[in-house]
Amino acid sequence: MDATPKLSLAESFSRYFKVGLAESDAQKECVFQIRYRVYCEEFKYESVERFANRLEVDDYDQYSRHCLITHLQTGMPAGCVRLVPAIDDREIEPLPLEKYCGVSLDNKFIDNLKLQRNTVCEISRLAVDGAFRRRTGEALTRFGEINGLQFSPQEQRTFSSIAVACFFAATVLTEVDGRTNVFAMMEPFLPRMMHRSGIDFQRVGKDIDYHGIRAPYFITTQAVLENMHPELQELYSWIKENIVS
């Protein structure tokens, strides 16, 4: 009988990954590299010809807050996300979903929320590198055969938590920055995955084909913090400690 104590999700995740702000040019470059691999090379959402330097960037990045998850053993960037603050009225300075997906928004519903614009943000560009999404040996990646990276079975079990950790990192920023009214354009799987974590987004519009089928969602930071499952609270606290410290 195995007497080894069972590690919590936070303990397991912290063994293999670090989470922090991407503030230096080098750290931001890691973020933009992940996005290039995922959005341009893998899913073809953006044309590779647009980014000759292999860094996927846009006009919102200069005033966004970026988070980066890094695999400790290899130093490989594993996941990223950004928080885009609303800096003016949507007619003057729209958020990405207002600019590119405005026809999908239920503006009457959103207007009835009566949100202070300086409390609003959008979480976007959440990406997990393919090397940390596929099962071992399932496919070749730009890093070669995944099996060659020698991820342990214990490590691989934490990989499915990277997307949740990215979202939690962005949520920490909403809490710290007071941007507690949160919008996101999401593929259908992400709200379903977060629902399993006890976190329920409110749909605020219709499907649109933008980098695949997506829909606009809204949630408050308070709702995230109050409703996440207990086993995730420790992971959130660990991520917050790493970002705020």
C-alpha atoms as a PDB file:
ATOM      1  CA  MET A   1       0.000   0.000   0.000  1.00  0.00           C
ATOM      2  CA  ASP A   2       1.386   3.406  -1.022  1.00  0.00           C
ATOM      3  CA  ALA A   3       1.957   5.531   2.068  1.00  0.00           C
ATOM      4  CA  THR A   4       3.050   8.579   0.068  1.00  0.00           C
ATOM      5  CA  PRO A   5       0.900  11.539   1.138  1.00  0.00           C
ATOM      6  CA  LYS A   6      -1.357  12.872  -1.616  1.00  0.00           C
ATOM      7  CA  LEU A   7      -0.335  16.343  -2.696  1.00  0.00           C
ATOM      8  CA  SER A   8      -2.909  19.073  -3.177  1.00  0.00           C
ATOM      9  CA  LEU A   9      -3.308  20.613  -6.621  1.00  0.00           C
ATOM     10  CA  ALA A  10      -1.422  23.708  -5.465  1.00  0.00           C
ATOM     11  CA  GLU A  11       1.447  21.618  -4.073  1.00  0.00           C
ATOM     12  CA  SER A  12       1.681  19.581  -7.273  1.00  0.00           C
ATOM     13  CA  PHE A  13       1.467  22.598  -9.551  1.00  0.00           C
ATOM     14  CA  SER A  14       4.093  24.550  -7.614  1.00  0.00           C
ATOM     15  CA  ARG A  15       6.522  21.646  -7.957  1.00  0.00           C
ATOM     16  CA  TYR A  16       6.580  21.956 -11.729  1.00  0.00           C
ATOM     17  CA  PHE A  17       5.611  25.521 -12.623  1.00  0.00           C
ATOM     18  CA  LYS A  18       6.120  29.103 -11.607  1.00  0.00           C
ATOM     19  CA  VAL A  19       3.565  31.851 -12.193  1.00  0.00           C
ATOM     20  CA  GLY A  20       4.329  35.538 -12.342  1.00  0.00           C
ATOM     21  CA  LEU A  21       3.909  38.851 -14.088  1.00  0.00           C
ATOM     22  CA  ALA A  22       5.656  39.295 -17.416  1.00  0.00           C
ATOM     23  CA  GLU A  23       7.141  42.756 -16.924  1.00  0.00           C
ATOM     24  CA  SER A  24      10.576  42.719 -18.533  1.00  0.00           C
ATOM     25  CA  ASP A  25      11.055  42.768 -22.300  1.00  0.00           C
ATOM     26  CA  ALA A  26      12.429  39.204 -22.138  1.00  0.00           C
ATOM     27  CA  GLN A  27       9.400  37.953 -20.185  1.00  0.00           C
ATOM     28  CA  LYS A  28       6.976  39.642 -22.571  1.00  0.00           C
ATOM     29  CA  GLU A  29       8.843  38.106 -25.480  1.00  0.00           C
ATOM     30  CA  CYS A  30       8.153  34.677 -23.955  1.00  0.00           C
ATOM     31  CA  VAL A  31       4.443  35.575 -23.814  1.00  0.00           C
ATOM     32  CA  PHE A  32       4.381  36.707 -27.433  1.00  0.00           C
ATOM     33  CA  GLN A  33       6.275  33.562 -28.492  1.00  0.00           C
ATOM     34  CA  ILE A  34       3.636  31.313 -26.916  1.00  0.00           C
ATOM     35  CA  ARG A  35       0.919  33.285 -28.642  1.00  0.00           C
ATOM     36  CA  TYR A  36       2.705  33.022 -31.980  1.00  0.00           C
ATOM     37  CA  ARG A  37       3.075  29.250 -31.674  1.00  0.00           C
ATOM     38  CA  VAL A  38      -0.545  28.767 -30.625  1.00  0.00           C
ATOM     39  CA  TYR A  39      -2.448  31.413 -32.595  1.00  0.00           C
ATOM     40  CA  CYS A  40      -0.334  31.544 -35.764  1.00  0.00           C
ATOM     41  CA  GLU A  41       1.458  28.232 -36.230  1.00  0.00           C
ATOM     42  CA  GLU A  42      -0.900  25.755 -34.600  1.00  0.00           C
ATOM     43  CA  PHE A  43      -4.427  27.096 -35.013  1.00  0.00           C
ATOM     44  CA  LYS A  44      -3.809  29.498 -37.926  1.00  0.00           C
ATOM     45  CA  TYR A  45      -5.933  32.217 -36.322  1.00  0.00           C
ATOM     46  CA  GLU A  46      -3.397  34.800 -37.440  1.00  0.00           C
ATOM     47  CA  SER A  47      -1.162  34.750 -40.508  1.00  0.00           C
ATOM     48  CA  VAL A  48       2.465  33.872 -39.816  1.00  0.00           C
ATOM     49  CA  GLU A  49       3.443  36.451 -42.450  1.00  0.00           C
ATOM     50  CA  ARG A  50       2.207  39.240 -40.164  1.00  0.00           C
ATOM     51  CA  PHE A  51       4.812  38.435 -37.524  1.00  0.00           C
ATOM     52  CA  ALA A  52       8.223  38.032 -39.137  1.00  0.00           C
ATOM     53  CA  ASN A  53       9.893  38.085 -35.708  1.00  0.00           C
ATOM     54  CA  ARG A  54       7.672  35.189 -34.541  1.00  0.00           C
ATOM     55  CA  LEU A  55       6.106  37.322 -31.796  1.00  0.00           C
ATOM     56  CA  GLU A  56       2.303  37.691 -31.887  1.00  0.00           C
ATOM     57  CA  VAL A  57       1.503  41.222 -30.674  1.00  0.00           C
ATOM     58  CA  ASP A  58      -1.218  43.823 -31.139  1.00  0.00           C
ATOM     59  CA  ASP A  59      -1.942  47.425 -30.159  1.00  0.00           C
ATOM     60  CA  TYR A  60      -3.475  46.434 -26.812  1.00  0.00           C
ATOM     61  CA  ASP A  61      -0.302  44.813 -25.492  1.00  0.00           C
ATOM     62  CA  GLN A  62       1.428  48.088 -24.700  1.00  0.00           C
ATOM     63  CA  TYR A  63      -0.987  48.908 -21.870  1.00  0.00           C
ATOM     64  CA  SER A  64      -2.077  45.401 -20.890  1.00  0.00           C
ATOM     65  CA  ARG A  65      -0.876  43.425 -17.884  1.00  0.00           C
ATOM     66  CA  HIS A  66       0.647  40.074 -18.823  1.00  0.00           C
ATOM     67  CA  CYS A  67       1.070  36.858 -16.829  1.00  0.00           C
ATOM     68  CA  LEU A  68       3.407  34.009 -17.700  1.00  0.00           C
ATOM     69  CA  ILE A  69       3.557  30.389 -16.527  1.00  0.00           C
ATOM     70  CA  THR A  70       6.955  28.729 -16.901  1.00  0.00           C
ATOM     71  CA  HIS A  71       7.925  25.054 -16.587  1.00  0.00           C
ATOM     72  CA  LEU A  72      10.579  24.939 -13.875  1.00  0.00           C
ATOM     73  CA  GLN A  73      12.698  22.013 -15.057  1.00  0.00           C
ATOM     74  CA  THR A  74      13.056  23.084 -18.691  1.00  0.00           C
ATOM     75  CA  GLY A  75      12.502  26.837 -18.402  1.00  0.00           C
ATOM     76  CA  MET A  76       9.950  26.512 -21.213  1.00  0.00           C
ATOM     77  CA  PRO A  77       7.114  29.069 -21.328  1.00  0.00           C
ATOM     78  CA  ALA A  78       3.962  27.001 -20.814  1.00  0.00           C
ATOM     79  CA  GLY A  79       1.049  29.428 -20.692  1.00  0.00           C
ATOM     80  CA  CYS A  80       0.101  33.085 -20.766  1.00  0.00           C
ATOM     81  CA  VAL A  81      -2.796  35.478 -20.430  1.00  0.00           C
ATOM     82  CA  ARG A  82      -3.335  39.230 -20.391  1.00  0.00           C
ATOM     83  CA  LEU A  83      -5.638  41.725 -18.732  1.00  0.00           C
ATOM     84  CA  VAL A  84      -6.703  44.630 -20.946  1.00  0.00           C
ATOM     85  CA  PRO A  85      -8.056  47.541 -18.870  1.00  0.00           C
ATOM     86  CA  ALA A  86     -10.835  49.732 -20.244  1.00  0.00           C
ATOM     87  CA  ILE A  87      -9.184  53.141 -20.504  1.00  0.00           C
ATOM     88  CA  ASP A  88     -12.036  55.166 -22.030  1.00  0.00           C
ATOM     89  CA  ASP A  89     -15.609  54.865 -23.266  1.00  0.00           C
ATOM     90  CA  ARG A  90     -16.167  52.050 -25.731  1.00  0.00           C
ATOM     91  CA  GLU A  91     -16.906  54.547 -28.513  1.00  0.00           C
ATOM     92  CA  ILE A  92     -13.488  56.178 -28.009  1.00  0.00           C
ATOM     93  CA  GLU A  93     -11.239  53.325 -26.860  1.00  0.00           C
ATOM     94  CA  PRO A  94     -13.054  49.990 -27.194  1.00  0.00           C
ATOM     95  CA  LEU A  95     -11.855  46.786 -25.597  1.00  0.00           C
ATOM     96  CA  PRO A  96     -10.818  44.057 -28.066  1.00  0.00           C
ATOM     97  CA  LEU A  97     -14.189  42.297 -27.913  1.00  0.00           C
ATOM     98  CA  GLU A  98     -15.978  45.627 -28.422  1.00  0.00           C
ATOM     99  CA  LYS A  99     -13.780  46.457 -31.408  1.00  0.00           C
ATOM    100  CA  TYR A 100     -13.700  43.106 -33.187  1.00  0.00           C
ATOM    101  CA  CYS A 101     -16.836  41.328 -31.930  1.00  0.00           C
ATOM    102  CA  GLY A 102     -19.207  44.203 -31.248  1.00  0.00           C
ATOM    103  CA  VAL A 103     -21.995  42.721 -33.394  1.00  0.00           C
ATOM    104  CA  SER A 104     -22.141  39.720 -31.062  1.00  0.00           C
ATOM    105  CA  LEU A 105     -22.656  41.764 -27.882  1.00  0.00           C
ATOM    106  CA  ASP A 106     -26.009  42.222 -26.159  1.00  0.00           C
ATOM    107  CA  ASN A 107     -25.370  45.917 -25.576  1.00  0.00           C
ATOM    108  CA  LYS A 108     -28.751  46.519 -23.943  1.00  0.00           C
ATOM    109  CA  PHE A 109     -28.002  43.882 -21.312  1.00  0.00           C
ATOM    110  CA  ILE A 110     -24.470  45.195 -20.793  1.00  0.00           C
ATOM    111  CA  ASP A 111     -25.696  48.793 -20.497  1.00  0.00           C
ATOM    112  CA  ASN A 112     -28.192  47.699 -17.835  1.00  0.00           C
ATOM    113  CA  LEU A 113     -25.278  46.442 -15.714  1.00  0.00           C
ATOM    114  CA  LYS A 114     -24.381  50.144 -15.275  1.00  0.00           C
ATOM    115  CA  LEU A 115     -20.681  49.407 -14.881  1.00  0.00           C
ATOM    116  CA  GLN A 116     -18.164  52.094 -14.008  1.00  0.00           C
ATOM    117  CA  ARG A 117     -15.761  52.016 -16.942  1.00  0.00           C
ATOM    118  CA  ASN A 118     -12.702  52.245 -14.667  1.00  0.00           C
ATOM    119  CA  THR A 119     -13.739  48.932 -13.074  1.00  0.00           C
ATOM    120  CA  VAL A 120     -13.975  47.096 -16.406  1.00  0.00           C
ATOM    121  CA  CYS A 121     -11.410  44.897 -18.135  1.00  0.00           C
ATOM    122  CA  GLU A 122     -11.117  42.088 -20.625  1.00  0.00           C
ATOM    123  CA  ILE A 123      -9.185  38.878 -20.107  1.00  0.00           C
ATOM    124  CA  SER A 124      -7.809  37.724 -23.417  1.00  0.00           C
ATOM    125  CA  ARG A 125      -5.036  35.913 -25.281  1.00  0.00           C
ATOM    126  CA  LEU A 126      -5.107  32.982 -22.866  1.00  0.00           C
ATOM    127  CA  ALA A 127      -2.833  30.394 -24.464  1.00  0.00           C
ATOM    128  CA  VAL A 128      -1.247  27.109 -23.397  1.00  0.00           C
ATOM    129  CA  ASP A 129       1.685  25.869 -25.435  1.00  0.00           C
ATOM    130  CA  GLY A 130       0.942  22.696 -27.386  1.00  0.00           C
ATOM    131  CA  ALA A 131       3.746  20.801 -25.645  1.00  0.00           C
ATOM    132  CA  PHE A 132       1.689  21.037 -22.446  1.00  0.00           C
ATOM    133  CA  ARG A 133      -1.659  20.171 -23.995  1.00  0.00           C
ATOM    134  CA  ARG A 134      -1.031  16.951 -25.900  1.00  0.00           C
ATOM    135  CA  ARG A 135      -0.540  13.586 -24.288  1.00  0.00           C
ATOM    136  CA  THR A 136       2.961  12.237 -24.266  1.00  0.00           C
ATOM    137  CA  GLY A 137       4.044  10.916 -27.658  1.00  0.00           C
ATOM    138  CA  GLU A 138       0.733  11.823 -29.272  1.00  0.00           C
ATOM    139  CA  ALA A 139       2.229  14.175 -31.841  1.00  0.00           C
ATOM    140  CA  LEU A 140       5.312  16.025 -32.871  1.00  0.00           C
ATOM    141  CA  THR A 141       5.670  19.642 -31.772  1.00  0.00           C
ATOM    142  CA  ARG A 142       8.203  22.308 -32.604  1.00  0.00           C
ATOM    143  CA  PHE A 143      10.104  21.001 -29.554  1.00  0.00           C
ATOM    144  CA  GLY A 144      10.286  17.531 -31.099  1.00  0.00           C
ATOM    145  CA  GLU A 145       8.655  14.395 -29.779  1.00  0.00           C
ATOM    146  CA  ILE A 146       7.002  15.294 -26.494  1.00  0.00           C
ATOM    147  CA  ASN A 147       8.230  12.042 -25.002  1.00  0.00           C
ATOM    148  CA  GLY A 148      11.755  13.372 -25.472  1.00  0.00           C
ATOM    149  CA  LEU A 149      11.053  16.098 -22.948  1.00  0.00           C
ATOM    150  CA  GLN A 150      10.732  13.400 -20.279  1.00  0.00           C
ATOM    151  CA  PHE A 151       7.750  14.777 -18.414  1.00  0.00           C
ATOM    152  CA  SER A 152       6.906  12.534 -15.496  1.00  0.00           C
ATOM    153  CA  PRO A 153       3.369  11.135 -15.109  1.00  0.00           C
ATOM    154  CA  GLN A 154       2.971  13.366 -12.052  1.00  0.00           C
ATOM    155  CA  GLU A 155       3.900  16.429 -14.108  1.00  0.00           C
ATOM    156  CA  GLN A 156       1.532  15.493 -16.904  1.00  0.00           C
ATOM    157  CA  ARG A 157      -1.369  15.341 -14.466  1.00  0.00           C
ATOM    158  CA  THR A 158      -0.823  19.035 -13.682  1.00  0.00           C
ATOM    159  CA  PHE A 159      -0.864  20.095 -17.348  1.00  0.00           C
ATOM    160  CA  SER A 160      -4.657  20.240 -17.517  1.00  0.00           C
ATOM    161  CA  SER A 161      -4.538  22.897 -14.773  1.00  0.00           C
ATOM    162  CA  ILE A 162      -2.428  25.370 -16.762  1.00  0.00           C
ATOM    163  CA  ALA A 163      -5.419  27.085 -18.396  1.00  0.00           C
ATOM    164  CA  VAL A 164      -7.155  27.411 -15.011  1.00  0.00           C
ATOM    165  CA  ALA A 165      -3.931  28.789 -13.507  1.00  0.00           C
ATOM    166  CA  CYS A 166      -3.736  31.348 -16.329  1.00  0.00           C
ATOM    167  CA  PHE A 167      -7.291  32.466 -15.613  1.00  0.00           C
ATOM    168  CA  PHE A 168      -6.556  32.650 -11.891  1.00  0.00           C
ATOM    169  CA  ALA A 169      -3.455  34.767 -12.570  1.00  0.00           C
ATOM    170  CA  ALA A 170      -5.583  37.217 -14.550  1.00  0.00           C
ATOM    171  CA  THR A 171      -8.201  37.172 -11.792  1.00  0.00           C
ATOM    172  CA  VAL A 172      -5.529  38.143  -9.267  1.00  0.00           C
ATOM    173  CA  LEU A 173      -4.806  41.186 -11.445  1.00  0.00           C
ATOM    174  CA  THR A 174      -8.495  42.129 -11.551  1.00  0.00           C
ATOM    175  CA  GLU A 175      -8.527  42.007  -7.755  1.00  0.00           C
ATOM    176  CA  VAL A 176      -5.291  43.973  -7.339  1.00  0.00           C
ATOM    177  CA  ASP A 177      -6.135  46.592  -9.974  1.00  0.00           C
ATOM    178  CA  GLY A 178      -9.776  47.031  -9.013  1.00  0.00           C
ATOM    179  CA  ARG A 179     -10.881  45.868 -12.487  1.00  0.00           C
ATOM    180  CA  THR A 180     -13.503  43.589 -11.037  1.00  0.00           C
ATOM    181  CA  ASN A 181     -16.045  43.625 -13.891  1.00  0.00           C
ATOM    182  CA  VAL A 182     -14.571  41.165 -16.336  1.00  0.00           C
ATOM    183  CA  PHE A 183     -15.379  40.378 -19.968  1.00  0.00           C
ATOM    184  CA  ALA A 184     -13.937  37.675 -22.200  1.00  0.00           C
ATOM    185  CA  MET A 185     -14.508  36.200 -25.653  1.00  0.00           C
ATOM    186  CA  MET A 186     -14.300  32.466 -25.133  1.00  0.00           C
ATOM    187  CA  GLU A 187     -14.507  29.233 -27.039  1.00  0.00           C
ATOM    188  CA  PRO A 188     -17.263  26.948 -25.695  1.00  0.00           C
ATOM    189  CA  PHE A 189     -14.877  24.607 -23.846  1.00  0.00           C
ATOM    190  CA  LEU A 190     -13.520  27.263 -21.467  1.00  0.00           C
ATOM    191  CA  PRO A 191     -16.808  28.226 -19.752  1.00  0.00           C
ATOM    192  CA  ARG A 192     -17.581  24.504 -19.416  1.00  0.00           C
ATOM    193  CA  MET A 193     -14.167  23.841 -17.887  1.00  0.00           C
ATOM    194  CA  MET A 194     -14.535  26.744 -15.468  1.00  0.00           C
ATOM    195  CA  HIS A 195     -18.048  25.571 -14.542  1.00  0.00           C
ATOM    196  CA  ARG A 196     -16.492  22.317 -13.330  1.00  0.00           C
ATOM    197  CA  SER A 197     -14.355  24.501 -11.068  1.00  0.00           C
ATOM    198  CA  GLY A 198     -17.455  26.168  -9.621  1.00  0.00           C
ATOM    199  CA  ILE A 199     -16.987  29.332 -11.691  1.00  0.00           C
ATOM    200  CA  ASP A 200     -19.944  30.334 -13.853  1.00  0.00           C
ATOM    201  CA  PHE A 201     -19.640  33.015 -16.515  1.00  0.00           C
ATOM    202  CA  GLN A 202     -22.697  34.898 -17.719  1.00  0.00           C
ATOM    203  CA  ARG A 203     -23.162  34.849 -21.470  1.00  0.00           C
ATOM    204  CA  VAL A 204     -23.704  38.398 -22.775  1.00  0.00           C
ATOM    205  CA  GLY A 205     -24.138  37.891 -26.493  1.00  0.00           C
ATOM    206  CA  LYS A 206     -24.271  35.467 -29.381  1.00  0.00           C
ATOM    207  CA  ASP A 207     -21.746  33.214 -31.074  1.00  0.00           C
ATOM    208  CA  ILE A 208     -19.434  34.760 -33.623  1.00  0.00           C
ATOM    209  CA  ASP A 209     -16.771  33.250 -35.853  1.00  0.00           C
ATOM    210  CA  TYR A 210     -13.698  35.097 -34.612  1.00  0.00           C
ATOM    211  CA  HIS A 211     -10.622  32.884 -34.362  1.00  0.00           C
ATOM    212  CA  GLY A 212     -13.075  30.021 -34.274  1.00  0.00           C
ATOM    213  CA  ILE A 213     -16.565  30.055 -32.770  1.00  0.00           C
ATOM    214  CA  ARG A 214     -16.607  32.201 -29.652  1.00  0.00           C
ATOM    215  CA  ALA A 215     -19.113  34.062 -27.518  1.00  0.00           C
ATOM    216  CA  PRO A 216     -18.873  37.011 -25.108  1.00  0.00           C
ATOM    217  CA  TYR A 217     -19.041  36.344 -21.374  1.00  0.00           C
ATOM    218  CA  PHE A 218     -19.081  38.410 -18.198  1.00  0.00           C
ATOM    219  CA  ILE A 219     -18.168  37.654 -14.593  1.00  0.00           C
ATOM    220  CA  THR A 220     -17.236  39.608 -11.497  1.00  0.00           C
ATOM    221  CA  THR A 221     -14.107  38.977  -9.482  1.00  0.00           C
ATOM    222  CA  GLN A 222     -16.288  38.538  -6.403  1.00  0.00           C
ATOM    223  CA  ALA A 223     -18.246  35.741  -8.083  1.00  0.00           C
ATOM    224  CA  VAL A 224     -15.014  33.929  -8.947  1.00  0.00           C
ATOM    225  CA  LEU A 225     -13.646  34.184  -5.419  1.00  0.00           C
ATOM    226  CA  GLU A 226     -16.900  33.191  -3.722  1.00  0.00           C
ATOM    227  CA  ASN A 227     -17.773  30.213  -5.889  1.00  0.00           C
ATOM    228  CA  MET A 228     -14.541  28.433  -6.826  1.00  0.00           C
ATOM    229  CA  HIS A 229     -14.309  24.924  -5.432  1.00  0.00           C
ATOM    230  CA  PRO A 230     -12.422  24.648  -2.126  1.00  0.00           C
ATOM    231  CA  GLU A 231      -9.539  22.629  -3.601  1.00  0.00           C
ATOM    232  CA  LEU A 232      -8.862  25.502  -6.017  1.00  0.00           C
ATOM    233  CA  GLN A 233      -8.712  28.169  -3.324  1.00  0.00           C
ATOM    234  CA  GLU A 234      -5.236  27.043  -2.267  1.00  0.00           C
ATOM    235  CA  LEU A 235      -4.032  27.212  -5.879  1.00  0.00           C
ATOM    236  CA  TYR A 236      -5.497  30.705  -6.241  1.00  0.00           C
ATOM    237  CA  SER A 237      -3.842  31.844  -3.004  1.00  0.00           C
ATOM    238  CA  TRP A 238      -0.477  30.483  -4.155  1.00  0.00           C
ATOM    239  CA  ILE A 239      -0.781  32.254  -7.504  1.00  0.00           C
ATOM    240  CA  LYS A 240      -1.772  35.491  -5.793  1.00  0.00           C
ATOM    241  CA  GLU A 241       1.185  35.272  -3.444  1.00  0.00           C
ATOM    242  CA  ASN A 242       3.538  34.831  -6.410  1.00  0.00           C
ATOM    243  CA  ILE A 243       2.080  37.728  -8.389  1.00  0.00           C
ATOM    244  CA  VAL A 244       1.646  40.227  -5.578  1.00  0.00           C
ATOM    245  CA  SER A 245       4.943  39.596  -3.793  1.00  0.00           C
END
